[in-house]
Amino acid sequence: KAVEKKHPNLYHSREEVQKVFEDQYELLKDDMTEL
C-alpha cells in the first residue's frame, strides 16, 4: 500500500510492479523468521 500510494514509478507501469508483488506474495508461508 505504501509503494502504491507514495512511489512515482518512473521506469515501470503500476501493472508490472503489481505483478511482482503478487508473485512474491505466493511465497509467504507460516512460521517465517524476519530474515
PDB file of all heavy atoms in Angstrom:
ATOM      1  N   LYS A   1       0.830  -1.203   0.000  1.00  0.00           N
ATOM      2  CA  LYS A   1       0.000   0.000   0.000  1.00  0.00           C
ATOM      3  C   LYS A   1       0.868   1.258   0.000  1.00  0.00           C
ATOM      4  O   LYS A   1       0.553   2.243  -0.672  1.00  0.00           O
ATOM      5  CB  LYS A   1      -0.938  -0.001   1.210  1.00  0.00           C
ATOM      6  CG  LYS A   1      -2.147  -0.904   1.057  1.00  0.00           C
ATOM      7  CD  LYS A   1      -3.088  -0.746   2.245  1.00  0.00           C
ATOM      8  CE  LYS A   1      -4.366  -1.548   2.029  1.00  0.00           C
ATOM      9  NZ  LYS A   1      -5.301  -1.401   3.191  1.00  0.00           N
ATOM     10  N   ALA A   2       1.954   1.213   0.781  1.00  0.00           N
ATOM     11  CA  ALA A   2       2.845   2.377   0.846  1.00  0.00           C
ATOM     12  C   ALA A   2       3.460   2.672  -0.509  1.00  0.00           C
ATOM     13  O   ALA A   2       3.510   3.823  -0.956  1.00  0.00           O
ATOM     14  CB  ALA A   2       3.938   2.137   1.889  1.00  0.00           C
ATOM     15  N   VAL A   3       3.923   1.631  -1.187  1.00  0.00           N
ATOM     16  CA  VAL A   3       4.547   1.811  -2.501  1.00  0.00           C
ATOM     17  C   VAL A   3       3.512   2.287  -3.512  1.00  0.00           C
ATOM     18  O   VAL A   3       3.758   3.208  -4.313  1.00  0.00           O
ATOM     19  CB  VAL A   3       5.213   0.508  -2.968  1.00  0.00           C
ATOM     20  CG1 VAL A   3       5.668   0.625  -4.417  1.00  0.00           C
ATOM     21  CG2 VAL A   3       6.401   0.162  -2.071  1.00  0.00           C
ATOM     22  N   GLU A   4       2.342   1.675  -3.491  1.00  0.00           N
ATOM     23  CA  GLU A   4       1.284   2.047  -4.438  1.00  0.00           C
ATOM     24  C   GLU A   4       0.847   3.491  -4.246  1.00  0.00           C
ATOM     25  O   GLU A   4       0.599   4.219  -5.224  1.00  0.00           O
ATOM     26  CB  GLU A   4       0.083   1.122  -4.260  1.00  0.00           C
ATOM     27  CG  GLU A   4      -1.058   1.412  -5.224  1.00  0.00           C
ATOM     28  CD  GLU A   4      -2.244   0.480  -5.012  1.00  0.00           C
ATOM     29  OE1 GLU A   4      -2.146  -0.431  -4.175  1.00  0.00           O
ATOM     30  OE2 GLU A   4      -3.256   0.674  -5.699  1.00  0.00           O
ATOM     31  N   LYS A   5       0.812   3.931  -3.009  1.00  0.00           N
ATOM     32  CA  LYS A   5       0.317   5.273  -2.709  1.00  0.00           C
ATOM     33  C   LYS A   5       1.376   6.346  -2.923  1.00  0.00           C
ATOM     34  O   LYS A   5       1.087   7.443  -3.407  1.00  0.00           O
ATOM     35  CB  LYS A   5      -0.176   5.318  -1.262  1.00  0.00           C
ATOM     36  CG  LYS A   5      -0.721   6.680  -0.841  1.00  0.00           C
ATOM     37  CD  LYS A   5      -1.209   6.645   0.603  1.00  0.00           C
ATOM     38  CE  LYS A   5      -1.722   8.005   1.035  1.00  0.00           C
ATOM     39  NZ  LYS A   5      -2.200   7.998   2.451  1.00  0.00           N
ATOM     40  N   LYS A   6       2.644   6.036  -2.572  1.00  0.00           N
ATOM     41  CA  LYS A   6       3.665   7.075  -2.492  1.00  0.00           C
ATOM     42  C   LYS A   6       4.642   7.115  -3.659  1.00  0.00           C
ATOM     43  O   LYS A   6       5.086   8.178  -4.067  1.00  0.00           O
ATOM     44  CB  LYS A   6       4.460   6.920  -1.187  1.00  0.00           C
ATOM     45  CG  LYS A   6       3.622   7.030   0.078  1.00  0.00           C
ATOM     46  CD  LYS A   6       4.467   6.819   1.324  1.00  0.00           C
ATOM     47  CE  LYS A   6       3.641   6.850   2.594  1.00  0.00           C
ATOM     48  NZ  LYS A   6       2.945   8.127   2.776  1.00  0.00           N
ATOM     49  N   HIS A   7       4.992   5.952  -4.234  1.00  0.00           N
ATOM     50  CA  HIS A   7       6.109   5.942  -5.174  1.00  0.00           C
ATOM     51  C   HIS A   7       5.694   6.396  -6.577  1.00  0.00           C
ATOM     52  O   HIS A   7       4.654   5.976  -7.082  1.00  0.00           O
ATOM     53  CB  HIS A   7       6.747   4.551  -5.260  1.00  0.00           C
ATOM     54  CG  HIS A   7       8.115   4.581  -5.838  1.00  0.00           C
ATOM     55  ND1 HIS A   7       8.341   4.585  -7.196  1.00  0.00           N
ATOM     56  CD2 HIS A   7       9.333   4.652  -5.253  1.00  0.00           C
ATOM     57  CE1 HIS A   7       9.642   4.656  -7.423  1.00  0.00           C
ATOM     58  NE2 HIS A   7      10.268   4.692  -6.260  1.00  0.00           N
ATOM     59  N   PRO A   8       6.527   7.244  -7.245  1.00  0.00           N
ATOM     60  CA  PRO A   8       6.166   7.768  -8.579  1.00  0.00           C
ATOM     61  C   PRO A   8       6.222   6.739  -9.708  1.00  0.00           C
ATOM     62  O   PRO A   8       5.619   6.970 -10.767  1.00  0.00           O
ATOM     63  CB  PRO A   8       7.229   8.854  -8.818  1.00  0.00           C
ATOM     64  CG  PRO A   8       7.802   9.161  -7.488  1.00  0.00           C
ATOM     65  CD  PRO A   8       7.728   7.895  -6.696  1.00  0.00           C
ATOM     66  N   ASN A   9       6.999   5.636  -9.551  1.00  0.00           N
ATOM     67  CA  ASN A   9       7.091   4.589 -10.590  1.00  0.00           C
ATOM     68  C   ASN A   9       7.487   5.153 -11.956  1.00  0.00           C
ATOM     69  O   ASN A   9       6.691   5.207 -12.887  1.00  0.00           O
ATOM     70  CB  ASN A   9       5.762   3.840 -10.742  1.00  0.00           C
ATOM     71  CG  ASN A   9       5.548   2.822  -9.653  1.00  0.00           C
ATOM     72  OD1 ASN A   9       6.363   2.682  -8.756  1.00  0.00           O
ATOM     73  ND2 ASN A   9       4.432   2.112  -9.716  1.00  0.00           N
ATOM     74  N   LEU A  10       8.745   5.504 -12.096  1.00  0.00           N
ATOM     75  CA  LEU A  10       9.208   6.120 -13.334  1.00  0.00           C
ATOM     76  C   LEU A  10       9.435   5.129 -14.464  1.00  0.00           C
ATOM     77  O   LEU A  10       9.141   5.407 -15.620  1.00  0.00           O
ATOM     78  CB  LEU A  10      10.530   6.859 -13.066  1.00  0.00           C
ATOM     79  CG  LEU A  10      10.428   8.244 -12.437  1.00  0.00           C
ATOM     80  CD1 LEU A  10      11.812   8.786 -12.168  1.00  0.00           C
ATOM     81  CD2 LEU A  10       9.669   9.193 -13.344  1.00  0.00           C
ATOM     82  N   TYR A  11      10.001   3.973 -14.138  1.00  0.00           N
ATOM     83  CA  TYR A  11      10.513   3.100 -15.190  1.00  0.00           C
ATOM     84  C   TYR A  11       9.635   1.896 -15.498  1.00  0.00           C
ATOM     85  O   TYR A  11       9.865   1.199 -16.466  1.00  0.00           O
ATOM     86  CB  TYR A  11      11.922   2.628 -14.815  1.00  0.00           C
ATOM     87  CG  TYR A  11      12.890   3.772 -14.717  1.00  0.00           C
ATOM     88  CD1 TYR A  11      13.308   4.255 -13.485  1.00  0.00           C
ATOM     89  CD2 TYR A  11      13.354   4.398 -15.858  1.00  0.00           C
ATOM     90  CE1 TYR A  11      14.182   5.322 -13.403  1.00  0.00           C
ATOM     91  CE2 TYR A  11      14.233   5.473 -15.795  1.00  0.00           C
ATOM     92  CZ  TYR A  11      14.647   5.933 -14.552  1.00  0.00           C
ATOM     93  OH  TYR A  11      15.504   6.993 -14.471  1.00  0.00           O
ATOM     94  N   HIS A  12       8.651   1.640 -14.672  1.00  0.00           N
ATOM     95  CA  HIS A  12       7.761   0.512 -14.924  1.00  0.00           C
ATOM     96  C   HIS A  12       6.328   0.938 -14.629  1.00  0.00           C
ATOM     97  O   HIS A  12       6.079   1.805 -13.788  1.00  0.00           O
ATOM     98  CB  HIS A  12       8.130  -0.683 -14.035  1.00  0.00           C
ATOM     99  CG  HIS A  12       9.499  -1.228 -14.290  1.00  0.00           C
ATOM    100  ND1 HIS A  12      10.628  -0.701 -13.704  1.00  0.00           N
ATOM    101  CD2 HIS A  12       9.923  -2.232 -15.081  1.00  0.00           C
ATOM    102  CE1 HIS A  12      11.693  -1.365 -14.116  1.00  0.00           C
ATOM    103  NE2 HIS A  12      11.295  -2.296 -14.958  1.00  0.00           N
ATOM    104  N   SER A  13       5.392   0.299 -15.311  1.00  0.00           N
ATOM    105  CA  SER A  13       3.989   0.601 -15.063  1.00  0.00           C
ATOM    106  C   SER A  13       3.568   0.012 -13.719  1.00  0.00           C
ATOM    107  O   SER A  13       4.205  -0.903 -13.194  1.00  0.00           O
ATOM    108  CB  SER A  13       3.116  -0.002 -16.173  1.00  0.00           C
ATOM    109  OG  SER A  13       3.157  -1.421 -16.096  1.00  0.00           O
ATOM    110  N   ARG A  14       2.495   0.543 -13.182  1.00  0.00           N
ATOM    111  CA  ARG A  14       1.988   0.019 -11.911  1.00  0.00           C
ATOM    112  C   ARG A  14       1.553  -1.446 -12.066  1.00  0.00           C
ATOM    113  O   ARG A  14       1.620  -2.215 -11.117  1.00  0.00           O
ATOM    114  CB  ARG A  14       0.829   0.881 -11.406  1.00  0.00           C
ATOM    115  CG  ARG A  14       1.270   2.284 -11.001  1.00  0.00           C
ATOM    116  CD  ARG A  14       0.218   3.007 -10.186  1.00  0.00           C
ATOM    117  NE  ARG A  14       0.690   4.333  -9.793  1.00  0.00           N
ATOM    118  CZ  ARG A  14       1.445   4.577  -8.734  1.00  0.00           C
ATOM    119  NH1 ARG A  14       1.820   3.568  -7.963  1.00  0.00           N
ATOM    120  NH2 ARG A  14       1.821   5.795  -8.443  1.00  0.00           N
ATOM    121  N   GLU A  15       1.115  -1.804 -13.269  1.00  0.00           N
ATOM    122  CA  GLU A  15       0.711  -3.189 -13.514  1.00  0.00           C
ATOM    123  C   GLU A  15       1.911  -4.135 -13.401  1.00  0.00           C
ATOM    124  O   GLU A  15       1.798  -5.225 -12.837  1.00  0.00           O
ATOM    125  CB  GLU A  15       0.086  -3.311 -14.901  1.00  0.00           C
ATOM    126  CG  GLU A  15      -1.294  -2.662 -15.040  1.00  0.00           C
ATOM    127  CD  GLU A  15      -1.231  -1.142 -15.110  1.00  0.00           C
ATOM    128  OE1 GLU A  15      -0.138  -0.610 -15.432  1.00  0.00           O
ATOM    129  OE2 GLU A  15      -2.253  -0.484 -14.835  1.00  0.00           O
ATOM    130  N   GLU A  16       3.064  -3.699 -13.924  1.00  0.00           N
ATOM    131  CA  GLU A  16       4.270  -4.532 -13.836  1.00  0.00           C
ATOM    132  C   GLU A  16       4.699  -4.705 -12.385  1.00  0.00           C
ATOM    133  O   GLU A  16       5.058  -5.809 -11.954  1.00  0.00           O
ATOM    134  CB  GLU A  16       5.409  -3.888 -14.636  1.00  0.00           C
ATOM    135  CG  GLU A  16       5.227  -3.940 -16.138  1.00  0.00           C
ATOM    136  CD  GLU A  16       6.342  -3.217 -16.859  1.00  0.00           C
ATOM    137  OE1 GLU A  16       6.385  -1.965 -16.794  1.00  0.00           O
ATOM    138  OE2 GLU A  16       7.180  -3.895 -17.482  1.00  0.00           O
ATOM    139  N   VAL A  17       4.681  -3.616 -11.641  1.00  0.00           N
ATOM    140  CA  VAL A  17       5.080  -3.678 -10.235  1.00  0.00           C
ATOM    141  C   VAL A  17       4.102  -4.535  -9.448  1.00  0.00           C
ATOM    142  O   VAL A  17       4.500  -5.350  -8.600  1.00  0.00           O
ATOM    143  CB  VAL A  17       5.164  -2.255  -9.641  1.00  0.00           C
ATOM    144  CG1 VAL A  17       5.459  -2.314  -8.141  1.00  0.00           C
ATOM    145  CG2 VAL A  17       6.239  -1.443 -10.362  1.00  0.00           C
ATOM    146  N   GLN A  18       2.827  -4.380  -9.726  1.00  0.00           N
ATOM    147  CA  GLN A  18       1.808  -5.157  -9.031  1.00  0.00           C
ATOM    148  C   GLN A  18       1.986  -6.642  -9.291  1.00  0.00           C
ATOM    149  O   GLN A  18       1.783  -7.481  -8.394  1.00  0.00           O
ATOM    150  CB  GLN A  18       0.407  -4.708  -9.476  1.00  0.00           C
ATOM    151  CG  GLN A  18      -0.730  -5.346  -8.687  1.00  0.00           C
ATOM    152  CD  GLN A  18      -0.669  -5.024  -7.215  1.00  0.00           C
ATOM    153  OE1 GLN A  18      -0.324  -3.906  -6.822  1.00  0.00           O
ATOM    154  NE2 GLN A  18      -0.999  -6.006  -6.368  1.00  0.00           N
ATOM    155  N   LYS A  19       2.411  -6.989 -10.502  1.00  0.00           N
ATOM    156  CA  LYS A  19       2.639  -8.398 -10.842  1.00  0.00           C
ATOM    157  C   LYS A  19       3.746  -8.994  -9.961  1.00  0.00           C
ATOM    158  O   LYS A  19       3.633 -10.121  -9.480  1.00  0.00           O
ATOM    159  CB  LYS A  19       3.034  -8.512 -12.315  1.00  0.00           C
ATOM    160  CG  LYS A  19       3.373  -9.934 -12.782  1.00  0.00           C
ATOM    161  CD  LYS A  19       2.162 -10.857 -12.730  1.00  0.00           C
ATOM    162  CE  LYS A  19       2.384 -12.144 -13.503  1.00  0.00           C
ATOM    163  NZ  LYS A  19       3.548 -12.925 -13.063  1.00  0.00           N
ATOM    164  N   VAL A  20       4.796  -8.233  -9.734  1.00  0.00           N
ATOM    165  CA  VAL A  20       5.880  -8.712  -8.872  1.00  0.00           C
ATOM    166  C   VAL A  20       5.384  -8.877  -7.443  1.00  0.00           C
ATOM    167  O   VAL A  20       5.697  -9.868  -6.768  1.00  0.00           O
ATOM    168  CB  VAL A  20       7.079  -7.746  -8.922  1.00  0.00           C
ATOM    169  CG1 VAL A  20       8.177  -8.212  -7.973  1.00  0.00           C
ATOM    170  CG2 VAL A  20       7.617  -7.644 -10.336  1.00  0.00           C
ATOM    171  N   PHE A  21       4.598  -7.925  -6.975  1.00  0.00           N
ATOM    172  CA  PHE A  21       4.022  -8.040  -5.632  1.00  0.00           C
ATOM    173  C   PHE A  21       3.182  -9.313  -5.515  1.00  0.00           C
ATOM    174  O   PHE A  21       3.254 -10.031  -4.516  1.00  0.00           O
ATOM    175  CB  PHE A  21       3.155  -6.820  -5.303  1.00  0.00           C
ATOM    176  CG  PHE A  21       3.886  -5.719  -4.587  1.00  0.00           C
ATOM    177  CD1 PHE A  21       4.205  -4.541  -5.230  1.00  0.00           C
ATOM    178  CD2 PHE A  21       4.262  -5.874  -3.264  1.00  0.00           C
ATOM    179  CE1 PHE A  21       4.878  -3.525  -4.568  1.00  0.00           C
ATOM    180  CE2 PHE A  21       4.925  -4.863  -2.593  1.00  0.00           C
ATOM    181  CZ  PHE A  21       5.237  -3.687  -3.246  1.00  0.00           C
ATOM    182  N   GLU A  22       2.397  -9.605  -6.529  1.00  0.00           N
ATOM    183  CA  GLU A  22       1.537 -10.794  -6.490  1.00  0.00           C
ATOM    184  C   GLU A  22       2.365 -12.077  -6.516  1.00  0.00           C
ATOM    185  O   GLU A  22       2.053 -13.038  -5.797  1.00  0.00           O
ATOM    186  CB  GLU A  22       0.565 -10.763  -7.679  1.00  0.00           C
ATOM    187  CG  GLU A  22      -0.481  -9.657  -7.563  1.00  0.00           C
ATOM    188  CD  GLU A  22      -1.300  -9.502  -8.827  1.00  0.00           C
ATOM    189  OE1 GLU A  22      -0.999 -10.228  -9.822  1.00  0.00           O
ATOM    190  OE2 GLU A  22      -2.218  -8.664  -8.848  1.00  0.00           O
ATOM    191  N   ASP A  23       3.411 -12.105  -7.328  1.00  0.00           N
ATOM    192  CA  ASP A  23       4.252 -13.304  -7.420  1.00  0.00           C
ATOM    193  C   ASP A  23       4.959 -13.576  -6.094  1.00  0.00           C
ATOM    194  O   ASP A  23       5.016 -14.732  -5.627  1.00  0.00           O
ATOM    195  CB  ASP A  23       5.287 -13.140  -8.532  1.00  0.00           C
ATOM    196  CG  ASP A  23       4.669 -13.177  -9.918  1.00  0.00           C
ATOM    197  OD1 ASP A  23       3.507 -13.607 -10.035  1.00  0.00           O
ATOM    198  OD2 ASP A  23       5.351 -12.765 -10.878  1.00  0.00           O
ATOM    199  N   GLN A  24       5.508 -12.542  -5.485  1.00  0.00           N
ATOM    200  CA  GLN A  24       6.236 -12.729  -4.225  1.00  0.00           C
ATOM    201  C   GLN A  24       5.279 -13.075  -3.081  1.00  0.00           C
ATOM    202  O   GLN A  24       5.648 -13.797  -2.152  1.00  0.00           O
ATOM    203  CB  GLN A  24       7.039 -11.477  -3.875  1.00  0.00           C
ATOM    204  CG  GLN A  24       8.218 -11.201  -4.804  1.00  0.00           C
ATOM    205  CD  GLN A  24       9.232 -12.336  -4.827  1.00  0.00           C
ATOM    206  OE1 GLN A  24       9.340 -13.063  -5.812  1.00  0.00           O
ATOM    207  NE2 GLN A  24       9.965 -12.511  -3.738  1.00  0.00           N
ATOM    208  N   TYR A  25       4.065 -12.586  -3.175  1.00  0.00           N
ATOM    209  CA  TYR A  25       3.061 -12.872  -2.146  1.00  0.00           C
ATOM    210  C   TYR A  25       2.832 -14.381  -2.023  1.00  0.00           C
ATOM    211  O   TYR A  25       2.600 -14.902  -0.923  1.00  0.00           O
ATOM    212  CB  TYR A  25       1.762 -12.158  -2.504  1.00  0.00           C
ATOM    213  CG  TYR A  25       0.651 -12.303  -1.489  1.00  0.00           C
ATOM    214  CD1 TYR A  25       0.598 -11.491  -0.366  1.00  0.00           C
ATOM    215  CD2 TYR A  25      -0.359 -13.258  -1.670  1.00  0.00           C
ATOM    216  CE1 TYR A  25      -0.425 -11.616   0.560  1.00  0.00           C
ATOM    217  CE2 TYR A  25      -1.383 -13.391  -0.752  1.00  0.00           C
ATOM    218  CZ  TYR A  25      -1.413 -12.569   0.363  1.00  0.00           C
ATOM    219  OH  TYR A  25      -2.417 -12.709   1.282  1.00  0.00           O
ATOM    220  N   GLU A  26       2.922 -15.075  -3.154  1.00  0.00           N
ATOM    221  CA  GLU A  26       2.692 -16.520  -3.152  1.00  0.00           C
ATOM    222  C   GLU A  26       3.779 -17.276  -2.384  1.00  0.00           C
ATOM    223  O   GLU A  26       3.610 -18.456  -2.060  1.00  0.00           O
ATOM    224  CB  GLU A  26       2.627 -17.041  -4.588  1.00  0.00           C
ATOM    225  CG  GLU A  26       1.456 -16.493  -5.389  1.00  0.00           C
ATOM    226  CD  GLU A  26       0.113 -16.827  -4.747  1.00  0.00           C
ATOM    227  OE1 GLU A  26      -0.041 -17.982  -4.282  1.00  0.00           O
ATOM    228  OE2 GLU A  26      -0.758 -15.944  -4.709  1.00  0.00           O
ATOM    229  N   LEU A  27       4.899 -16.630  -2.092  1.00  0.00           N
ATOM    230  CA  LEU A  27       5.997 -17.278  -1.371  1.00  0.00           C
ATOM    231  C   LEU A  27       5.829 -17.215   0.144  1.00  0.00           C
ATOM    232  O   LEU A  27       6.585 -17.846   0.884  1.00  0.00           O
ATOM    233  CB  LEU A  27       7.332 -16.621  -1.759  1.00  0.00           C
ATOM    234  CG  LEU A  27       7.711 -16.680  -3.245  1.00  0.00           C
ATOM    235  CD1 LEU A  27       9.045 -15.987  -3.465  1.00  0.00           C
ATOM    236  CD2 LEU A  27       7.768 -18.117  -3.733  1.00  0.00           C
ATOM    237  N   LEU A  28       4.869 -16.454   0.609  1.00  0.00           N
ATOM    238  CA  LEU A  28       4.648 -16.346   2.054  1.00  0.00           C
ATOM    239  C   LEU A  28       4.145 -17.666   2.616  1.00  0.00           C
ATOM    240  O   LEU A  28       3.343 -18.362   1.995  1.00  0.00           O
ATOM    241  CB  LEU A  28       3.632 -15.238   2.354  1.00  0.00           C
ATOM    242  CG  LEU A  28       4.033 -13.810   2.011  1.00  0.00           C
ATOM    243  CD1 LEU A  28       2.895 -12.855   2.348  1.00  0.00           C
ATOM    244  CD2 LEU A  28       5.309 -13.409   2.721  1.00  0.00           C
ATOM    245  N   LYS A  29       4.619 -17.990   3.800  1.00  0.00           N
ATOM    246  CA  LYS A  29       4.148 -19.194   4.484  1.00  0.00           C
ATOM    247  C   LYS A  29       4.254 -18.997   5.985  1.00  0.00           C
ATOM    248  O   LYS A  29       4.931 -18.082   6.466  1.00  0.00           O
ATOM    249  CB  LYS A  29       4.945 -20.421   4.035  1.00  0.00           C
ATOM    250  CG  LYS A  29       6.438 -20.311   4.244  1.00  0.00           C
ATOM    251  CD  LYS A  29       7.141 -21.529   3.659  1.00  0.00           C
ATOM    252  CE  LYS A  29       8.653 -21.420   3.836  1.00  0.00           C
ATOM    253  NZ  LYS A  29       9.370 -22.587   3.249  1.00  0.00           N
ATOM    254  N   ASP A  30       3.578 -19.839   6.696  1.00  0.00           N
ATOM    255  CA  ASP A  30       3.546 -19.730   8.152  1.00  0.00           C
ATOM    256  C   ASP A  30       4.929 -19.964   8.755  1.00  0.00           C
ATOM    257  O   ASP A  30       5.760 -20.683   8.202  1.00  0.00           O
ATOM    258  CB  ASP A  30       2.563 -20.762   8.717  1.00  0.00           C
ATOM    259  CG  ASP A  30       1.936 -20.311  10.011  1.00  0.00           C
ATOM    260  OD1 ASP A  30       2.075 -19.125  10.366  1.00  0.00           O
ATOM    261  OD2 ASP A  30       1.287 -21.146  10.667  1.00  0.00           O
ATOM    262  N   ASP A  31       5.175 -19.322   9.903  1.00  0.00           N
ATOM    263  CA  ASP A  31       6.397 -19.530  10.695  1.00  0.00           C
ATOM    264  C   ASP A  31       7.666 -19.085   9.984  1.00  0.00           C
ATOM    265  O   ASP A  31       8.719 -19.714  10.111  1.00  0.00           O
ATOM    266  CB  ASP A  31       6.529 -21.005  11.113  1.00  0.00           C
ATOM    267  CG  ASP A  31       5.461 -21.424  12.106  1.00  0.00           C
ATOM    268  OD1 ASP A  31       4.988 -20.545  12.863  1.00  0.00           O
ATOM    269  OD2 ASP A  31       5.090 -22.607  12.111  1.00  0.00           O
ATOM    270  N   MET A  32       7.610 -18.003   9.263  1.00  0.00           N
ATOM    271  CA  MET A  32       8.819 -17.398   8.690  1.00  0.00           C
ATOM    272  C   MET A  32       9.505 -16.535   9.741  1.00  0.00           C
ATOM    273  O   MET A  32       8.849 -15.889  10.566  1.00  0.00           O
ATOM    274  CB  MET A  32       8.465 -16.523   7.482  1.00  0.00           C
ATOM    275  CG  MET A  32       8.269 -17.280   6.190  1.00  0.00           C
ATOM    276  SD  MET A  32       8.001 -16.135   4.806  1.00  0.00           S
ATOM    277  CE  MET A  32       8.541 -17.160   3.441  1.00  0.00           C
ATOM    278  N   THR A  33      10.843 -16.494   9.683  1.00  0.00           N
ATOM    279  CA  THR A  33      11.593 -15.572  10.536  1.00  0.00           C
ATOM    280  C   THR A  33      11.658 -14.210   9.855  1.00  0.00           C
ATOM    281  O   THR A  33      11.251 -14.048   8.694  1.00  0.00           O
ATOM    282  CB  THR A  33      13.023 -16.077  10.773  1.00  0.00           C
ATOM    283  OG1 THR A  33      13.720 -16.077   9.508  1.00  0.00           O
ATOM    284  CG2 THR A  33      13.035 -17.482  11.372  1.00  0.00           C
ATOM    285  N   GLU A  34      12.207 -13.244  10.566  1.00  0.00           N
ATOM    286  CA  GLU A  34      12.392 -11.918   9.971  1.00  0.00           C
ATOM    287  C   GLU A  34      13.229 -11.998   8.707  1.00  0.00           C
ATOM    288  O   GLU A  34      12.903 -11.384   7.695  1.00  0.00           O
ATOM    289  CB  GLU A  34      13.064 -10.987  10.974  1.00  0.00           C
ATOM    290  CG  GLU A  34      13.386  -9.607  10.410  1.00  0.00           C
ATOM    291  CD  GLU A  34      14.131  -8.715  11.390  1.00  0.00           C
ATOM    292  OE1 GLU A  34      13.988  -8.905  12.614  1.00  0.00           O
ATOM    293  OE2 GLU A  34      14.862  -7.823  10.924  1.00  0.00           O
ATOM    294  N   LEU A  35      14.319 -12.768   8.745  1.00  0.00           N
ATOM    295  CA  LEU A  35      15.201 -12.867   7.588  1.00  0.00           C
ATOM    296  C   LEU A  35      14.525 -13.611   6.440  1.00  0.00           C
ATOM    297  O   LEU A  35      14.690 -13.254   5.266  1.00  0.00           O
ATOM    298  CB  LEU A  35      16.512 -13.548   7.976  1.00  0.00           C
ATOM    299  CG  LEU A  35      17.666 -13.458   6.971  1.00  0.00           C
ATOM    300  CD1 LEU A  35      17.971 -11.996   6.630  1.00  0.00           C
ATOM    301  CD2 LEU A  35      18.914 -14.138   7.519  1.00  0.00           C
TER     302      LEU A  35
END
